[in-house]
C-alpha atoms as a PDB file:
ATOM      1  CA  MET A   1     108.407 166.966 133.767  1.00  0.00           C
ATOM      2  CA  ALA A   2     104.660 167.379 133.792  1.00  0.00           C
ATOM      3  CA  LYS A   3     102.960 168.474 130.659  1.00  0.00           C
ATOM      4  CA  ASN A   4     101.661 171.975 130.559  1.00  0.00           C
ATOM      5  CA  ARG A   5      97.998 172.383 129.647  1.00  0.00           C
ATOM      6  CA  ARG A   6      98.831 175.413 127.611  1.00  0.00           C
ATOM      7  CA  ALA A   7     100.931 173.331 125.307  1.00  0.00           C
ATOM      8  CA  GLU A   8      97.946 171.091 124.364  1.00  0.00           C
ATOM      9  CA  SER A   9      96.119 171.956 121.182  1.00  0.00           C
ATOM     10  CA  ALA A  10      92.611 173.451 121.258  1.00  0.00           C
ATOM     11  CA  ALA A  11      91.217 170.389 119.478  1.00  0.00           C
ATOM     12  CA  VAL A  12      92.352 168.146 122.283  1.00  0.00           C
ATOM     13  CA  ARG A  13      90.794 170.380 124.949  1.00  0.00           C
ATOM     14  CA  PHE A  14      87.441 170.921 123.182  1.00  0.00           C
ATOM     15  CA  GLY A  15      87.194 167.499 121.514  1.00  0.00           C
ATOM     16  CA  PRO A  16      85.124 165.816 124.235  1.00  0.00           C
ATOM     17  CA  ALA A  17      82.866 168.872 124.509  1.00  0.00           C
ATOM     18  CA  ILE A  18      82.265 168.904 120.760  1.00  0.00           C
ATOM     19  CA  LYS A  19      81.530 165.156 120.782  1.00  0.00           C
ATOM     20  CA  ALA A  20      79.062 165.591 123.647  1.00  0.00           C
ATOM     21  CA  PHE A  21      77.396 168.532 121.870  1.00  0.00           C
ATOM     22  CA  LEU A  22      77.067 166.569 118.608  1.00  0.00           C
ATOM     23  CA  LEU A  23      75.715 163.541 120.454  1.00  0.00           C
ATOM     24  CA  CYS A  24      73.106 165.682 122.263  1.00  0.00           C
ATOM     25  CA  PHE A  25      72.255 167.417 118.974  1.00  0.00           C
ATOM     26  CA  LEU A  26      71.811 164.053 117.244  1.00  0.00           C
ATOM     27  CA  ILE A  27      69.610 162.612 119.995  1.00  0.00           C
ATOM     28  CA  GLY A  28      67.594 165.836 120.340  1.00  0.00           C
ATOM     29  CA  GLY A  29      67.147 166.151 116.570  1.00  0.00           C
ATOM     30  CA  SER A  30      66.015 162.547 116.325  1.00  0.00           C
ATOM     31  CA  ALA A  31      63.511 163.078 119.129  1.00  0.00           C
ATOM     32  CA  ILE A  32      62.142 166.245 117.533  1.00  0.00           C
ATOM     33  CA  GLY A  33      61.927 164.482 114.145  1.00  0.00           C
ATOM     34  CA  TYR A  34      60.091 161.544 115.686  1.00  0.00           C
ATOM     35  CA  VAL A  35      57.547 163.799 117.412  1.00  0.00           C
ATOM     36  CA  TRP A  36      57.069 165.846 114.225  1.00  0.00           C
ATOM     37  CA  GLU A  37      56.530 162.690 112.155  1.00  0.00           C
ATOM     38  CA  LYS A  38      53.958 161.355 114.626  1.00  0.00           C
ATOM     39  CA  ASN A  39      52.221 164.731 114.569  1.00  0.00           C
ATOM     40  CA  GLN A  40      52.082 164.669 110.741  1.00  0.00           C
ATOM     41  CA  ILE A  41      50.704 161.123 110.729  1.00  0.00           C
ATOM     42  CA  ASN A  42      47.988 162.198 113.165  1.00  0.00           C
ATOM     43  CA  TYR A  43      47.186 165.335 111.126  1.00  0.00           C
ATOM     44  CA  TRP A  44      46.881 163.478 107.821  1.00  0.00           C
ATOM     45  CA  GLY A  45      44.842 160.732 109.476  1.00  0.00           C
ATOM     46  CA  GLU A  46      42.363 163.370 110.658  1.00  0.00           C
ATOM     47  CA  GLN A  47      42.254 164.906 107.167  1.00  0.00           C
ATOM     48  CA  ILE A  48      41.547 161.509 105.596  1.00  0.00           C
ATOM     49  CA  LYS A  49      38.794 160.839 108.154  1.00  0.00           C
ATOM     50  CA  LYS A  50      37.180 164.227 107.411  1.00  0.00           C
ATOM     51  CA  SER A  51      37.334 163.542 103.673  1.00  0.00           C
ATOM     52  CA  GLU A  52      35.785 160.088 104.097  1.00  0.00           C
ATOM     53  CA  ASN A  53      32.975 161.540 106.231  1.00  0.00           C
ATOM     54  CA  LYS A  54      32.308 164.249 103.644  1.00  0.00           C
ATOM     55  CA  LEU A  55      32.322 161.656 100.843  1.00  0.00           C
ATOM     56  CA  SER A  56      29.830 159.522 102.756  1.00  0.00           C
ATOM     57  CA  GLU A  57      27.592 162.544 103.338  1.00  0.00           C
ATOM     58  CA  LEU A  58      27.753 163.536  99.667  1.00  0.00           C
ATOM     59  CA  ARG A  59      26.900 159.996  98.556  1.00  0.00           C
ATOM     60  CA  THR A  60      23.893 160.010 100.874  1.00  0.00           C
ATOM     61  CA  GLN A  61      22.723 163.366  99.478  1.00  0.00           C
ATOM     62  CA  ASN A  62      23.292 162.109  95.935  1.00  0.00           C
ATOM     63  CA  LYS A  63      21.126 159.051  96.591  1.00  0.00           C
ATOM     64  CA  ILE A  64      18.371 161.204  98.110  1.00  0.00           C
ATOM     65  CA  ARG A  65      18.423 163.548  95.103  1.00  0.00           C
ATOM     66  CA  ALA A  66      18.439 160.635  92.637  1.00  0.00           C
ATOM     67  CA  ASP A  67      15.366 159.207  94.377  1.00  0.00           C
ATOM     68  CA  GLN A  68      13.670 162.617  94.214  1.00  0.00           C
ATOM     69  CA  LEU A  69      14.499 162.927  90.522  1.00  0.00           C
ATOM     70  CA  SER A  70      13.106 159.498  89.702  1.00  0.00           C
ATOM     71  CA  ALA A  71       9.936 160.283  91.682  1.00  0.00           C
ATOM     72  CA  LEU A  72       9.459 163.650  89.967  1.00  0.00           C
ATOM     73  CA  THR A  73      10.060 162.294  86.450  1.00  0.00           C
ATOM     74  CA  SER A  74       7.829 159.242  86.732  1.00  0.00           C
ATOM     75  CA  PRO A  75       4.858 159.290  84.345  1.00  0.00           C
ATOM     76  CA  VAL A  76       2.367 158.966  87.198  1.00  0.00           C
ATOM     77  CA  ALA A  77       3.801 161.993  89.009  1.00  0.00           C
ATOM     78  CA  LEU A  78       3.938 164.025  85.801  1.00  0.00           C
ATOM     79  CA  ASP A  79       0.299 163.218  84.958  1.00  0.00           C
ATOM     80  CA  ALA A  80      -0.794 164.177  88.460  1.00  0.00           C
ATOM     81  CA  ARG A  81       1.115 167.446  88.218  1.00  0.00           C
ATOM     82  CA  VAL A  82      -0.409 168.281  84.825  1.00  0.00           C
ATOM     83  CA  LYS A  83      -3.913 167.672  86.227  1.00  0.00           C
ATOM     84  CA  ARG A  84      -3.186 169.720  89.337  1.00  0.00           C
ATOM     85  CA  MET A  85      -1.906 172.661  87.267  1.00  0.00           C
ATOM     86  CA  ASN A  86      -4.901 172.450  84.846  1.00  0.00           C
ATOM     87  CA  LEU A  87      -2.718 172.635  81.736  1.00  0.00           C
ATOM     88  CA  GLY A  88      -5.164 170.717  79.566  1.00  0.00           C
ATOM     89  CA  LEU A  89      -2.541 168.361  78.177  1.00  0.00           C
ATOM     90  CA  VAL A  90      -3.651 164.946  76.894  1.00  0.00           C
ATOM     91  CA  GLN A  91      -2.027 161.957  75.258  1.00  0.00           C
ATOM     92  CA  PRO A  92      -1.638 162.396  71.466  1.00  0.00           C
ATOM     93  CA  SER A  93      -3.714 160.205  69.201  1.00  0.00           C
ATOM     94  CA  LEU A  94      -1.986 157.545  67.125  1.00  0.00           C
ATOM     95  CA  SER A  95      -2.477 159.594  63.942  1.00  0.00           C
ATOM     96  CA  GLN A  96      -0.445 162.439  65.510  1.00  0.00           C
ATOM     97  CA  VAL A  97       2.529 160.228  66.297  1.00  0.00           C
ATOM     98  CA  LEU A  98       5.245 160.092  63.656  1.00  0.00           C
ATOM     99  CA  ARG A  99       7.631 157.162  63.876  1.00  0.00           C
ATOM    100  CA  VAL A 100      11.119 157.441  62.447  1.00  0.00           C
ATOM    101  CA  VAL A 101      12.911 154.282  61.452  1.00  0.00           C
ATOM    102  CA  GLU A 102      16.691 154.306  61.662  1.00  0.00           C
ATOM    103  CA  VAL A 103      18.741 152.120  59.362  1.00  0.00           C
ATOM    104  CA  PHE A 104      22.154 150.984  60.516  1.00  0.00           C
ATOM    105  CA  GLU A 105      24.729 149.507  58.206  1.00  0.00           C
ATOM    106  CA  THR A 106      27.329 147.296  59.667  1.00  0.00           C
ATOM    107  CA  ALA A 107      30.997 148.068  59.129  1.00  0.00           C
ATOM    108  CA  ASN A 108      31.449 144.857  57.119  1.00  0.00           C
ATOM    109  CA  ALA A 109      28.638 145.749  54.697  1.00  0.00           C
ATOM    110  CA  VAL A 110      30.132 149.191  54.093  1.00  0.00           C
ATOM    111  CA  ARG A 111      33.608 147.723  53.590  1.00  0.00           C
ATOM    112  CA  ASP A 112      32.277 145.048  51.181  1.00  0.00           C
ATOM    113  CA  THR A 113      30.462 147.584  48.991  1.00  0.00           C
ATOM    114  CA  ARG A 114      33.548 149.780  48.862  1.00  0.00           C
ATOM    115  CA  TYR A 115      35.724 146.932  47.601  1.00  0.00           C
ATOM    116  CA  ALA A 116      33.059 145.684  45.203  1.00  0.00           C
ATOM    117  CA  GLU A 117      33.116 148.979  43.303  1.00  0.00           C
ATOM    118  CA  GLN A 118      36.842 148.741  42.542  1.00  0.00           C
ATOM    119  CA  PRO A 119      38.028 146.584  39.629  1.00  0.00           C
ATOM    120  CA  ALA A 120      40.009 143.498  40.561  1.00  0.00           C
ATOM    121  CA  MET A 121      43.766 143.658  40.071  1.00  0.00           C
ATOM    122  CA  GLN A 122      45.171 141.434  37.349  1.00  0.00           C
ATOM    123  CA  SER A 123      48.125 139.270  38.080  1.00  0.00           C
ATOM    124  CA  ILE A 124      51.284 139.932  36.119  1.00  0.00           C
ATOM    125  CA  PRO A 125      52.625 136.855  34.257  1.00  0.00           C
END
């Protein structure tokens, strides 16, 4: 006697359909993930390139400003600016200059004087 289709379980009837659906879902999900990953790599590559360009531009501006600062603070430029502004400033005479001498003590000299002030310990017989 031939088997009746109604007697088969639902899992047997829908099993191949579920397998096909899961296989399509797996392949489609992998494809979408691959495209998304490539898109992210491209996006972050563009962001890195923009940051490198901005860094290069900022370094160039920094160099230009450092050159301007050194030109503006040079003694020749300052003297010329003082003369142009008629401020009447002149170099001080040697009698107006006060020199301060700094004295540095080394760490060893300080340590030696500290130990020299203490009495020596006596050995116990």
